[in-house]
Full PDB file with SEQRES, HELIX, SHEET, SSBOND, CRYST1, ORIGX, SCALE, CONECT and MASTER records, all heavy atoms in Angstrom:
SEQRES   1 A   33  VAL ILE GLY GLU SER PHE PRO THR SER ALA VAL LEU GLY          
SEQRES   2 A   33  LEU ILE ALA ILE ALA PHE SER GLN LEU CYS GLY LEU THR          
SEQRES   3 A   33  PHE GLY ILE LEU SER ALA GLN                                  
HELIX    1 AA1 ILE A    2  ALA A   32  1                                  31    
CRYST1    1.000    1.000    1.000  90.00  90.00  90.00 P 1           1          
ORIGX1      1.000000  0.000000  0.000000        0.00000                         
ORIGX2      0.000000  1.000000  0.000000        0.00000                         
ORIGX3      0.000000  0.000000  1.000000        0.00000                         
SCALE1      1.000000  0.000000  0.000000        0.00000                         
SCALE2      0.000000  1.000000  0.000000        0.00000                         
SCALE3      0.000000  0.000000  1.000000        0.00000                         
ATOM      1  N   VAL A   1      69.159 -25.511  30.227  1.00  0.00           N  
ATOM      2  CA  VAL A   1      70.231 -26.371  29.664  1.00  0.00           C  
ATOM      3  C   VAL A   1      71.611 -25.782  29.997  1.00  0.00           C  
ATOM      4  O   VAL A   1      72.527 -26.542  30.406  1.00  0.00           O  
ATOM      5  CB  VAL A   1      70.106 -26.390  28.070  1.00  0.00           C  
ATOM      6  CG1 VAL A   1      71.299 -27.150  27.477  1.00  0.00           C  
ATOM      7  CG2 VAL A   1      68.797 -27.004  27.591  1.00  0.00           C  
ATOM      8  N   ILE A   2      71.710 -24.442  29.970  1.00  0.00           N  
ATOM      9  CA  ILE A   2      72.989 -23.798  30.418  1.00  0.00           C  
ATOM     10  C   ILE A   2      73.194 -23.991  31.852  1.00  0.00           C  
ATOM     11  O   ILE A   2      74.330 -24.295  32.311  1.00  0.00           O  
ATOM     12  CB  ILE A   2      72.943 -22.315  30.051  1.00  0.00           C  
ATOM     13  CG1 ILE A   2      72.967 -22.123  28.534  1.00  0.00           C  
ATOM     14  CG2 ILE A   2      74.157 -21.606  30.651  1.00  0.00           C  
ATOM     15  CD1 ILE A   2      72.851 -20.729  28.082  1.00  0.00           C  
ATOM     16  N   GLY A   3      72.208 -23.864  32.625  1.00  0.00           N  
ATOM     17  CA  GLY A   3      72.346 -24.071  34.122  1.00  0.00           C  
ATOM     18  C   GLY A   3      72.750 -25.412  34.559  1.00  0.00           C  
ATOM     19  O   GLY A   3      73.509 -25.604  35.463  1.00  0.00           O  
ATOM     20  N   GLU A   4      72.314 -26.379  33.791  1.00  0.00           N  
ATOM     21  CA  GLU A   4      72.667 -27.805  34.108  1.00  0.00           C  
ATOM     22  C   GLU A   4      74.004 -28.159  33.604  1.00  0.00           C  
ATOM     23  O   GLU A   4      74.710 -28.942  34.316  1.00  0.00           O  
ATOM     24  CB  GLU A   4      71.646 -28.761  33.454  1.00  0.00           C  
ATOM     25  CG  GLU A   4      70.197 -28.672  34.125  1.00  0.00           C  
ATOM     26  CD  GLU A   4      69.267 -29.622  33.482  1.00  0.00           C  
ATOM     27  OE1 GLU A   4      69.697 -30.346  32.584  1.00  0.00           O  
ATOM     28  OE2 GLU A   4      68.083 -29.541  33.809  1.00  0.00           O  
ATOM     29  N   SER A   5      74.499 -27.654  32.465  1.00  0.00           N  
ATOM     30  CA  SER A   5      75.730 -28.070  31.870  1.00  0.00           C  
ATOM     31  C   SER A   5      76.911 -27.142  32.302  1.00  0.00           C  
ATOM     32  O   SER A   5      78.083 -27.592  32.264  1.00  0.00           O  
ATOM     33  CB  SER A   5      75.633 -28.150  30.341  1.00  0.00           C  
ATOM     34  OG  SER A   5      75.217 -26.882  29.899  1.00  0.00           O  
ATOM     35  N   PHE A   6      76.631 -25.886  32.658  1.00  0.00           N  
ATOM     36  CA  PHE A   6      77.737 -24.957  32.973  1.00  0.00           C  
ATOM     37  C   PHE A   6      78.578 -25.397  34.110  1.00  0.00           C  
ATOM     38  O   PHE A   6      79.756 -25.262  34.199  1.00  0.00           O  
ATOM     39  CB  PHE A   6      77.224 -23.561  33.191  1.00  0.00           C  
ATOM     40  CG  PHE A   6      78.242 -22.590  33.568  1.00  0.00           C  
ATOM     41  CD1 PHE A   6      79.314 -22.263  32.698  1.00  0.00           C  
ATOM     42  CD2 PHE A   6      78.174 -21.992  34.862  1.00  0.00           C  
ATOM     43  CE1 PHE A   6      80.298 -21.280  33.144  1.00  0.00           C  
ATOM     44  CE2 PHE A   6      79.170 -21.044  35.261  1.00  0.00           C  
ATOM     45  CZ  PHE A   6      80.231 -20.747  34.417  1.00  0.00           C  
ATOM     46  N   PRO A   7      77.953 -25.900  35.244  1.00  0.00           N  
ATOM     47  CA  PRO A   7      78.757 -26.287  36.381  1.00  0.00           C  
ATOM     48  C   PRO A   7      79.839 -27.317  36.018  1.00  0.00           C  
ATOM     49  O   PRO A   7      80.944 -27.376  36.541  1.00  0.00           O  
ATOM     50  CB  PRO A   7      77.749 -26.853  37.378  1.00  0.00           C  
ATOM     51  CG  PRO A   7      76.490 -26.149  37.122  1.00  0.00           C  
ATOM     52  CD  PRO A   7      76.496 -25.974  35.634  1.00  0.00           C  
ATOM     53  N   THR A   8      79.488 -28.273  35.115  1.00  0.00           N  
ATOM     54  CA  THR A   8      80.451 -29.272  34.770  1.00  0.00           C  
ATOM     55  C   THR A   8      81.665 -28.708  34.066  1.00  0.00           C  
ATOM     56  O   THR A   8      82.735 -29.008  34.338  1.00  0.00           O  
ATOM     57  CB  THR A   8      79.784 -30.329  33.829  1.00  0.00           C  
ATOM     58  OG1 THR A   8      78.678 -30.966  34.503  1.00  0.00           O  
ATOM     59  CG2 THR A   8      80.715 -31.401  33.385  1.00  0.00           C  
ATOM     60  N   SER A   9      81.342 -27.756  33.065  1.00  0.00           N  
ATOM     61  CA  SER A   9      82.410 -27.135  32.375  1.00  0.00           C  
ATOM     62  C   SER A   9      83.209 -26.189  33.290  1.00  0.00           C  
ATOM     63  O   SER A   9      84.421 -26.065  33.132  1.00  0.00           O  
ATOM     64  CB  SER A   9      81.831 -26.217  31.279  1.00  0.00           C  
ATOM     65  OG  SER A   9      81.222 -27.007  30.325  1.00  0.00           O  
ATOM     66  N   ALA A  10      82.565 -25.582  34.277  1.00  0.00           N  
ATOM     67  CA  ALA A  10      83.296 -24.729  35.193  1.00  0.00           C  
ATOM     68  C   ALA A  10      84.246 -25.489  36.101  1.00  0.00           C  
ATOM     69  O   ALA A  10      85.381 -25.035  36.318  1.00  0.00           O  
ATOM     70  CB  ALA A  10      82.250 -23.994  36.160  1.00  0.00           C  
ATOM     71  N   VAL A  11      83.821 -26.626  36.594  1.00  0.00           N  
ATOM     72  CA  VAL A  11      84.721 -27.433  37.443  1.00  0.00           C  
ATOM     73  C   VAL A  11      85.808 -27.944  36.645  1.00  0.00           C  
ATOM     74  O   VAL A  11      87.064 -27.856  37.067  1.00  0.00           O  
ATOM     75  CB  VAL A  11      83.937 -28.699  37.973  1.00  0.00           C  
ATOM     76  CG1 VAL A  11      84.847 -29.683  38.630  1.00  0.00           C  
ATOM     77  CG2 VAL A  11      82.878 -28.193  39.012  1.00  0.00           C  
ATOM     78  N   LEU A  12      85.654 -28.381  35.458  1.00  0.00           N  
ATOM     79  CA  LEU A  12      86.723 -28.831  34.538  1.00  0.00           C  
ATOM     80  C   LEU A  12      87.682 -27.719  34.222  1.00  0.00           C  
ATOM     81  O   LEU A  12      88.907 -27.870  34.312  1.00  0.00           O  
ATOM     82  CB  LEU A  12      86.142 -29.412  33.216  1.00  0.00           C  
ATOM     83  CG  LEU A  12      87.217 -29.900  32.182  1.00  0.00           C  
ATOM     84  CD1 LEU A  12      88.129 -30.958  32.724  1.00  0.00           C  
ATOM     85  CD2 LEU A  12      86.447 -30.318  30.931  1.00  0.00           C  
ATOM     86  N   GLY A  13      87.078 -26.508  33.923  1.00  0.00           N  
ATOM     87  CA  GLY A  13      87.965 -25.431  33.618  1.00  0.00           C  
ATOM     88  C   GLY A  13      88.719 -24.894  34.737  1.00  0.00           C  
ATOM     89  O   GLY A  13      89.959 -24.562  34.643  1.00  0.00           O  
ATOM     90  N   LEU A  14      88.214 -24.922  35.943  1.00  0.00           N  
ATOM     91  CA  LEU A  14      88.904 -24.313  37.123  1.00  0.00           C  
ATOM     92  C   LEU A  14      90.100 -25.283  37.478  1.00  0.00           C  
ATOM     93  O   LEU A  14      91.127 -24.762  37.899  1.00  0.00           O  
ATOM     94  CB  LEU A  14      87.964 -24.211  38.371  1.00  0.00           C  
ATOM     95  CG  LEU A  14      86.958 -23.081  38.211  1.00  0.00           C  
ATOM     96  CD1 LEU A  14      85.921 -23.168  39.432  1.00  0.00           C  
ATOM     97  CD2 LEU A  14      87.597 -21.746  38.352  1.00  0.00           C  
ATOM     98  N   ILE A  15      89.778 -26.587  37.415  1.00  0.00           N  
ATOM     99  CA  ILE A  15      90.912 -27.503  37.691  1.00  0.00           C  
ATOM    100  C   ILE A  15      92.031 -27.337  36.637  1.00  0.00           C  
ATOM    101  O   ILE A  15      93.197 -27.267  36.976  1.00  0.00           O  
ATOM    102  CB  ILE A  15      90.402 -28.978  37.600  1.00  0.00           C  
ATOM    103  CG1 ILE A  15      89.456 -29.151  38.862  1.00  0.00           C  
ATOM    104  CG2 ILE A  15      91.517 -29.903  37.707  1.00  0.00           C  
ATOM    105  CD1 ILE A  15      88.801 -30.519  38.783  1.00  0.00           C  
ATOM    106  N   ALA A  16      91.649 -27.164  35.360  1.00  0.00           N  
ATOM    107  CA  ALA A  16      92.661 -26.963  34.298  1.00  0.00           C  
ATOM    108  C   ALA A  16      93.457 -25.618  34.539  1.00  0.00           C  
ATOM    109  O   ALA A  16      94.615 -25.549  34.324  1.00  0.00           O  
ATOM    110  CB  ALA A  16      92.030 -27.035  32.875  1.00  0.00           C  
ATOM    111  N   ILE A  17      92.665 -24.572  34.876  1.00  0.00           N  
ATOM    112  CA  ILE A  17      93.434 -23.323  35.101  1.00  0.00           C  
ATOM    113  C   ILE A  17      94.314 -23.359  36.276  1.00  0.00           C  
ATOM    114  O   ILE A  17      95.424 -22.881  36.148  1.00  0.00           O  
ATOM    115  CB  ILE A  17      92.325 -22.210  35.399  1.00  0.00           C  
ATOM    116  CG1 ILE A  17      91.528 -21.949  34.106  1.00  0.00           C  
ATOM    117  CG2 ILE A  17      92.904 -20.893  35.889  1.00  0.00           C  
ATOM    118  CD1 ILE A  17      90.258 -21.028  34.400  1.00  0.00           C  
ATOM    119  N   ALA A  18      93.874 -23.965  37.414  1.00  0.00           N  
ATOM    120  CA  ALA A  18      94.741 -24.079  38.546  1.00  0.00           C  
ATOM    121  C   ALA A  18      96.068 -24.844  38.256  1.00  0.00           C  
ATOM    122  O   ALA A  18      97.146 -24.453  38.542  1.00  0.00           O  
ATOM    123  CB  ALA A  18      94.059 -24.741  39.697  1.00  0.00           C  
ATOM    124  N   PHE A  19      95.945 -25.960  37.480  1.00  0.00           N  
ATOM    125  CA  PHE A  19      97.056 -26.754  37.137  1.00  0.00           C  
ATOM    126  C   PHE A  19      98.022 -25.979  36.192  1.00  0.00           C  
ATOM    127  O   PHE A  19      99.207 -25.934  36.314  1.00  0.00           O  
ATOM    128  CB  PHE A  19      96.712 -28.023  36.470  1.00  0.00           C  
ATOM    129  CG  PHE A  19      97.757 -28.904  35.988  1.00  0.00           C  
ATOM    130  CD1 PHE A  19      98.552 -29.639  36.912  1.00  0.00           C  
ATOM    131  CD2 PHE A  19      98.053 -28.974  34.643  1.00  0.00           C  
ATOM    132  CE1 PHE A  19      99.576 -30.383  36.494  1.00  0.00           C  
ATOM    133  CE2 PHE A  19      99.138 -29.780  34.271  1.00  0.00           C  
ATOM    134  CZ  PHE A  19      99.913 -30.494  35.060  1.00  0.00           C  
ATOM    135  N   SER A  20      97.383 -25.378  35.144  1.00  0.00           N  
ATOM    136  CA  SER A  20      98.251 -24.683  34.142  1.00  0.00           C  
ATOM    137  C   SER A  20      98.907 -23.472  34.704  1.00  0.00           C  
ATOM    138  O   SER A  20     100.098 -23.199  34.325  1.00  0.00           O  
ATOM    139  CB  SER A  20      97.350 -24.318  32.957  1.00  0.00           C  
ATOM    140  OG  SER A  20      96.332 -23.350  33.303  1.00  0.00           O  
ATOM    141  N   GLN A  21      98.260 -22.716  35.611  1.00  0.00           N  
ATOM    142  CA  GLN A  21      98.906 -21.498  36.120  1.00  0.00           C  
ATOM    143  C   GLN A  21      99.985 -21.848  37.082  1.00  0.00           C  
ATOM    144  O   GLN A  21     101.033 -21.223  37.094  1.00  0.00           O  
ATOM    145  CB  GLN A  21      97.841 -20.624  36.804  1.00  0.00           C  
ATOM    146  CG  GLN A  21      96.861 -20.047  35.847  1.00  0.00           C  
ATOM    147  CD  GLN A  21      97.468 -19.001  34.862  1.00  0.00           C  
ATOM    148  OE1 GLN A  21      98.220 -18.135  35.261  1.00  0.00           O  
ATOM    149  NE2 GLN A  21      97.169 -19.238  33.596  1.00  0.00           N  
ATOM    150  N   LEU A  22      99.701 -22.846  38.011  1.00  0.00           N  
ATOM    151  CA  LEU A  22     100.783 -23.214  38.952  1.00  0.00           C  
ATOM    152  C   LEU A  22     101.953 -23.745  38.209  1.00  0.00           C  
ATOM    153  O   LEU A  22     103.114 -23.347  38.491  1.00  0.00           O  
ATOM    154  CB  LEU A  22     100.211 -24.303  39.850  1.00  0.00           C  
ATOM    155  CG  LEU A  22     101.072 -24.848  40.939  1.00  0.00           C  
ATOM    156  CD1 LEU A  22     101.549 -23.808  41.848  1.00  0.00           C  
ATOM    157  CD2 LEU A  22     100.433 -26.006  41.709  1.00  0.00           C  
ATOM    158  N   CYS A  23     101.737 -24.649  37.302  1.00  0.00           N  
ATOM    159  CA  CYS A  23     102.962 -25.323  36.597  1.00  0.00           C  
ATOM    160  C   CYS A  23     103.547 -24.205  35.626  1.00  0.00           C  
ATOM    161  O   CYS A  23     104.815 -24.148  35.523  1.00  0.00           O  
ATOM    162  CB  CYS A  23     102.524 -26.477  35.817  1.00  0.00           C  
ATOM    163  SG  CYS A  23     101.962 -27.843  36.814  1.00  0.00           S  
ATOM    164  N   GLY A  24     102.762 -23.449  34.920  1.00  0.00           N  
ATOM    165  CA  GLY A  24     103.232 -22.459  33.980  1.00  0.00           C  
ATOM    166  C   GLY A  24     104.083 -21.390  34.615  1.00  0.00           C  
ATOM    167  O   GLY A  24     105.209 -21.037  34.158  1.00  0.00           O  
ATOM    168  N   LEU A  25     103.609 -20.883  35.800  1.00  0.00           N  
ATOM    169  CA  LEU A  25     104.408 -19.819  36.478  1.00  0.00           C  
ATOM    170  C   LEU A  25     105.728 -20.483  37.010  1.00  0.00           C  
ATOM    171  O   LEU A  25     106.735 -19.808  36.900  1.00  0.00           O  
ATOM    172  CB  LEU A  25     103.648 -19.265  37.623  1.00  0.00           C  
ATOM    173  CG  LEU A  25     102.372 -18.474  37.199  1.00  0.00           C  
ATOM    174  CD1 LEU A  25     101.564 -18.026  38.500  1.00  0.00           C  
ATOM    175  CD2 LEU A  25     102.760 -17.249  36.367  1.00  0.00           C  
ATOM    176  N   THR A  26     105.588 -21.627  37.483  1.00  0.00           N  
ATOM    177  CA  THR A  26     106.828 -22.334  38.107  1.00  0.00           C  
ATOM    178  C   THR A  26     107.846 -22.619  36.987  1.00  0.00           C  
ATOM    179  O   THR A  26     109.052 -22.299  37.100  1.00  0.00           O  
ATOM    180  CB  THR A  26     106.473 -23.675  38.787  1.00  0.00           C  
ATOM    181  OG1 THR A  26     105.499 -23.337  39.830  1.00  0.00           O  
ATOM    182  CG2 THR A  26     107.692 -24.275  39.409  1.00  0.00           C  
ATOM    183  N   PHE A  27     107.385 -23.114  35.876  1.00  0.00           N  
ATOM    184  CA  PHE A  27     108.222 -23.432  34.708  1.00  0.00           C  
ATOM    185  C   PHE A  27     108.863 -22.179  34.211  1.00  0.00           C  
ATOM    186  O   PHE A  27     110.019 -22.075  33.727  1.00  0.00           O  
ATOM    187  CB  PHE A  27     107.457 -24.137  33.596  1.00  0.00           C  
ATOM    188  CG  PHE A  27     107.112 -25.566  33.985  1.00  0.00           C  
ATOM    189  CD1 PHE A  27     106.289 -26.327  33.135  1.00  0.00           C  
ATOM    190  CD2 PHE A  27     107.615 -26.139  35.147  1.00  0.00           C  
ATOM    191  CE1 PHE A  27     105.899 -27.540  33.412  1.00  0.00           C  
ATOM    192  CE2 PHE A  27     107.201 -27.485  35.438  1.00  0.00           C  
ATOM    193  CZ  PHE A  27     106.372 -28.153  34.562  1.00  0.00           C  
ATOM    194  N   GLY A  28     108.066 -21.058  34.124  1.00  0.00           N  
ATOM    195  CA  GLY A  28     108.569 -19.812  33.588  1.00  0.00           C  
ATOM    196  C   GLY A  28     109.630 -19.140  34.418  1.00  0.00           C  
ATOM    197  O   GLY A  28     110.706 -18.717  33.949  1.00  0.00           O  
ATOM    198  N   ILE A  29     109.489 -19.255  35.830  1.00  0.00           N  
ATOM    199  CA  ILE A  29     110.541 -18.833  36.731  1.00  0.00           C  
ATOM    200  C   ILE A  29     111.813 -19.525  36.619  1.00  0.00           C  
ATOM    201  O   ILE A  29     112.898 -19.031  36.471  1.00  0.00           O  
ATOM    202  CB  ILE A  29     109.961 -18.785  38.147  1.00  0.00           C  
ATOM    203  CG1 ILE A  29     108.767 -17.743  38.331  1.00  0.00           C  
ATOM    204  CG2 ILE A  29     111.062 -18.473  39.129  1.00  0.00           C  
ATOM    205  CD1 ILE A  29     108.015 -17.861  39.628  1.00  0.00           C  
ATOM    206  N   LEU A  30     111.667 -20.896  36.586  1.00  0.00           N  
ATOM    207  CA  LEU A  30     112.811 -21.707  36.523  1.00  0.00           C  
ATOM    208  C   LEU A  30     113.460 -21.544  35.169  1.00  0.00           C  
ATOM    209  O   LEU A  30     114.778 -21.506  35.100  1.00  0.00           O  
ATOM    210  CB  LEU A  30     112.387 -23.158  36.687  1.00  0.00           C  
ATOM    211  CG  LEU A  30     111.903 -23.668  38.032  1.00  0.00           C  
ATOM    212  CD1 LEU A  30     111.442 -25.076  38.010  1.00  0.00           C  
ATOM    213  CD2 LEU A  30     112.977 -23.422  39.101  1.00  0.00           C  
ATOM    214  N   SER A  31     112.786 -21.447  34.107  1.00  0.00           N  
ATOM    215  CA  SER A  31     113.383 -21.230  32.779  1.00  0.00           C  
ATOM    216  C   SER A  31     114.205 -19.962  32.729  1.00  0.00           C  
ATOM    217  O   SER A  31     115.226 -19.873  32.163  1.00  0.00           O  
ATOM    218  CB  SER A  31     112.276 -21.249  31.685  1.00  0.00           C  
ATOM    219  OG  SER A  31     112.852 -21.115  30.408  1.00  0.00           O  
ATOM    220  N   ALA A  32     113.614 -18.845  33.328  1.00  0.00           N  
ATOM    221  CA  ALA A  32     114.358 -17.646  33.315  1.00  0.00           C  
ATOM    222  C   ALA A  32     115.628 -17.640  34.163  1.00  0.00           C  
ATOM    223  O   ALA A  32     116.674 -17.049  33.814  1.00  0.00           O  
ATOM    224  CB  ALA A  32     113.414 -16.444  33.808  1.00  0.00           C  
ATOM    225  N   GLN A  33     115.584 -18.377  35.285  1.00  0.00           N  
ATOM    226  CA  GLN A  33     116.753 -18.451  36.155  1.00  0.00           C  
ATOM    227  C   GLN A  33     117.834 -19.293  35.561  1.00  0.00           C  
ATOM    228  O   GLN A  33     119.056 -19.089  35.824  1.00  0.00           O  
ATOM    229  CB  GLN A  33     116.331 -19.072  37.510  1.00  0.00           C  
ATOM    230  CG  GLN A  33     115.222 -18.250  38.227  1.00  0.00           C  
ATOM    231  CD  GLN A  33     115.597 -16.774  38.399  1.00  0.00           C  
ATOM    232  OE1 GLN A  33     116.749 -16.492  38.798  1.00  0.00           O  
ATOM    233  NE2 GLN A  33     114.684 -15.985  38.149  1.00  0.00           N  
TER     234      GLN A  33                                                      
MASTER        0    0    0    1    0    0    0    6  233    1    0    3          
END                                                                             
């Protein structure tokens, strides 16, 4: 069950992490400047 469902959660999580980190770091730098 874990082996079948984990890839779905992993793909969703990786996309969310990439978006949040890219935007979050950019927003944080701009906000400080």
